[in-house]
Amino acid sequence: MRLSTGGTPRAIACARPRLVEVDRERVWPLPELLAEILALPHVVGLAEIDGALHWVVDARRLPDIGA
């Protein structure tokens, strides 16, 4: 996926990305202990979408893998 950011366009490796509107009541920050265990600084929370939990990703924290 190519993502335009405030700096430059970035290529991000991902599987089946989706952009959806989520009710704030269905989004939770990632618990600190889980964040430490995962060691994925770009994952900042969890969201319930269609009855399943999904990672909430801050694209600004993703490593740049090239264009």
N, C-alpha and C. Protein backbone atom coordinates (compact mmCIF):
# COMPACT_ATOMS: atom_id res chain seq x y z
N MET A 1 0.85 -1.15 0.00
CA MET A 1 0.00 0.00 0.00
C MET A 1 0.90 1.23 0.00
N ARG A 2 0.56 2.23 -0.77
CA ARG A 2 1.29 3.50 -0.76
C ARG A 2 0.47 4.50 0.05
N LEU A 3 1.14 5.16 0.98
CA LEU A 3 0.48 6.08 1.89
C LEU A 3 1.14 7.44 1.79
N SER A 4 0.36 8.47 1.58
CA SER A 4 0.91 9.82 1.57
C SER A 4 0.90 10.35 3.00
N THR A 5 2.06 10.82 3.45
CA THR A 5 2.17 11.37 4.79
C THR A 5 2.57 12.83 4.69
N GLY A 6 2.73 13.48 5.83
CA GLY A 6 3.15 14.88 5.83
C GLY A 6 4.52 15.06 5.23
N GLY A 7 5.37 14.03 5.30
CA GLY A 7 6.71 14.11 4.75
C GLY A 7 6.72 13.71 3.29
N THR A 8 6.75 12.43 3.03
CA THR A 8 6.80 11.90 1.67
C THR A 8 5.90 10.69 1.56
N PRO A 9 5.55 10.28 0.34
CA PRO A 9 4.79 9.04 0.18
C PRO A 9 5.63 7.86 0.69
N ARG A 10 4.96 6.89 1.31
CA ARG A 10 5.65 5.71 1.85
C ARG A 10 4.96 4.45 1.37
N ALA A 11 5.75 3.42 1.16
CA ALA A 11 5.22 2.10 0.84
C ALA A 11 5.15 1.30 2.14
N ILE A 12 4.01 0.68 2.39
CA ILE A 12 3.81 -0.08 3.63
C ILE A 12 3.36 -1.48 3.27
N ALA A 13 4.09 -2.47 3.77
CA ALA A 13 3.71 -3.87 3.55
C ALA A 13 2.55 -4.21 4.49
N CYS A 14 1.46 -4.69 3.95
CA CYS A 14 0.32 -5.06 4.79
C CYS A 14 -0.58 -6.02 4.02
N ALA A 15 -1.43 -6.71 4.76
CA ALA A 15 -2.37 -7.64 4.15
C ALA A 15 -3.79 -7.13 4.36
N ARG A 16 -4.52 -7.00 3.30
CA ARG A 16 -5.93 -6.60 3.33
C ARG A 16 -6.21 -5.36 4.18
N PRO A 17 -5.56 -4.24 3.90
CA PRO A 17 -5.85 -3.03 4.70
C PRO A 17 -7.26 -2.54 4.45
N ARG A 18 -7.88 -1.94 5.48
CA ARG A 18 -9.21 -1.37 5.35
C ARG A 18 -9.24 -0.04 6.07
N LEU A 19 -9.90 0.91 5.47
CA LEU A 19 -10.19 2.17 6.13
C LEU A 19 -11.67 2.16 6.45
N VAL A 20 -11.99 2.28 7.72
CA VAL A 20 -13.38 2.25 8.14
C VAL A 20 -13.63 3.34 9.16
N GLU A 21 -14.87 3.75 9.25
CA GLU A 21 -15.26 4.69 10.29
C GLU A 21 -15.65 3.87 11.51
N VAL A 22 -15.07 4.20 12.65
CA VAL A 22 -15.31 3.44 13.86
C VAL A 22 -15.82 4.37 14.95
N ASP A 23 -16.87 3.94 15.63
CA ASP A 23 -17.41 4.68 16.76
C ASP A 23 -16.37 4.71 17.88
N ARG A 24 -16.12 5.87 18.46
CA ARG A 24 -15.11 6.02 19.52
C ARG A 24 -15.35 5.06 20.69
N GLU A 25 -16.59 4.67 20.92
CA GLU A 25 -16.90 3.74 22.01
C GLU A 25 -16.38 2.33 21.71
N ARG A 26 -15.98 2.08 20.48
CA ARG A 26 -15.48 0.75 20.07
C ARG A 26 -13.96 0.73 19.87
N VAL A 27 -13.28 1.77 20.34
CA VAL A 27 -11.81 1.85 20.20
C VAL A 27 -11.21 2.01 21.59
N TRP A 28 -10.16 1.20 21.86
CA TRP A 28 -9.49 1.24 23.15
C TRP A 28 -7.99 1.36 22.97
N PRO A 29 -7.32 2.10 23.85
CA PRO A 29 -5.86 2.16 23.77
C PRO A 29 -5.27 0.77 24.07
N LEU A 30 -4.13 0.50 23.51
CA LEU A 30 -3.47 -0.77 23.74
C LEU A 30 -2.95 -0.80 25.17
N PRO A 31 -3.30 -1.84 25.95
CA PRO A 31 -2.78 -1.92 27.32
C PRO A 31 -1.25 -1.93 27.31
N GLU A 32 -0.65 -1.25 28.28
CA GLU A 32 0.80 -1.08 28.33
C GLU A 32 1.54 -2.42 28.31
N LEU A 33 1.07 -3.40 29.07
CA LEU A 33 1.73 -4.70 29.12
C LEU A 33 1.70 -5.37 27.75
N LEU A 34 0.56 -5.31 27.06
CA LEU A 34 0.44 -5.90 25.73
C LEU A 34 1.37 -5.19 24.75
N ALA A 35 1.47 -3.88 24.87
CA ALA A 35 2.36 -3.11 23.99
C ALA A 35 3.81 -3.56 24.18
N GLU A 36 4.21 -3.80 25.43
CA GLU A 36 5.57 -4.26 25.70
C GLU A 36 5.81 -5.66 25.13
N ILE A 37 4.84 -6.54 25.29
CA ILE A 37 4.98 -7.91 24.80
C ILE A 37 5.06 -7.94 23.27
N LEU A 38 4.20 -7.16 22.60
CA LEU A 38 4.15 -7.15 21.14
C LEU A 38 5.39 -6.52 20.51
N ALA A 39 5.93 -5.50 21.17
CA ALA A 39 7.06 -4.75 20.61
C ALA A 39 6.76 -4.26 19.20
N LEU A 40 5.56 -3.78 18.99
CA LEU A 40 5.14 -3.20 17.71
C LEU A 40 4.71 -1.75 17.98
N PRO A 41 5.65 -0.81 17.92
CA PRO A 41 5.33 0.57 18.31
C PRO A 41 4.28 1.24 17.45
N HIS A 42 3.99 0.71 16.27
CA HIS A 42 2.97 1.32 15.41
C HIS A 42 1.55 0.90 15.80
N VAL A 43 1.40 -0.16 16.60
CA VAL A 43 0.08 -0.59 17.08
C VAL A 43 -0.23 0.22 18.33
N VAL A 44 -1.28 1.04 18.27
CA VAL A 44 -1.59 1.94 19.38
C VAL A 44 -2.91 1.63 20.07
N GLY A 45 -3.66 0.67 19.54
CA GLY A 45 -4.93 0.36 20.18
C GLY A 45 -5.63 -0.82 19.53
N LEU A 46 -6.84 -1.06 20.03
CA LEU A 46 -7.71 -2.11 19.50
C LEU A 46 -9.04 -1.49 19.14
N ALA A 47 -9.66 -2.03 18.11
CA ALA A 47 -10.99 -1.56 17.71
C ALA A 47 -11.87 -2.76 17.42
N GLU A 48 -13.13 -2.67 17.81
CA GLU A 48 -14.09 -3.71 17.48
C GLU A 48 -14.79 -3.30 16.18
N ILE A 49 -14.62 -4.13 15.16
CA ILE A 49 -15.26 -3.88 13.86
C ILE A 49 -15.97 -5.15 13.45
N ASP A 50 -17.26 -5.07 13.24
CA ASP A 50 -18.06 -6.22 12.83
C ASP A 50 -17.88 -7.40 13.78
N GLY A 51 -17.79 -7.12 15.09
CA GLY A 51 -17.71 -8.17 16.09
C GLY A 51 -16.33 -8.79 16.28
N ALA A 52 -15.31 -8.28 15.59
CA ALA A 52 -13.95 -8.82 15.73
C ALA A 52 -13.01 -7.69 16.17
N LEU A 53 -11.95 -8.06 16.88
CA LEU A 53 -10.96 -7.08 17.30
C LEU A 53 -9.90 -6.90 16.22
N HIS A 54 -9.53 -5.64 15.97
CA HIS A 54 -8.53 -5.31 14.97
C HIS A 54 -7.52 -4.36 15.60
N TRP A 55 -6.27 -4.42 15.11
CA TRP A 55 -5.24 -3.49 15.57
C TRP A 55 -5.56 -2.09 15.05
N VAL A 56 -5.32 -1.09 15.86
CA VAL A 56 -5.35 0.31 15.43
C VAL A 56 -3.89 0.71 15.23
N VAL A 57 -3.56 1.15 14.03
CA VAL A 57 -2.18 1.44 13.67
C VAL A 57 -2.00 2.93 13.44
N ASP A 58 -0.95 3.49 14.00
CA ASP A 58 -0.56 4.87 13.74
C ASP A 58 0.47 4.83 12.61
N ALA A 59 0.05 5.20 11.42
CA ALA A 59 0.92 5.10 10.24
C ALA A 59 2.20 5.91 10.38
N ARG A 60 2.19 6.94 11.20
CA ARG A 60 3.40 7.75 11.40
C ARG A 60 4.49 6.95 12.11
N ARG A 61 4.10 5.88 12.79
CA ARG A 61 5.07 5.06 13.54
C ARG A 61 5.58 3.86 12.73
N LEU A 62 5.07 3.65 11.54
CA LEU A 62 5.51 2.52 10.73
C LEU A 62 6.92 2.75 10.18
N PRO A 63 7.72 1.69 10.13
CA PRO A 63 9.05 1.85 9.52
C PRO A 63 8.91 2.06 8.02
N ASP A 64 9.79 2.84 7.46
CA ASP A 64 9.78 3.10 6.01
C ASP A 64 10.45 1.93 5.32
N ILE A 65 9.70 1.22 4.45
CA ILE A 65 10.27 0.06 3.76
C ILE A 65 10.66 0.38 2.33
N GLY A 66 10.62 1.63 1.95
CA GLY A 66 11.00 2.03 0.58
C GLY A 66 9.79 2.21 -0.30
N ALA A 67 10.01 2.74 -1.47
CA ALA A 67 8.90 3.05 -2.38
C ALA A 67 8.71 1.97 -3.40
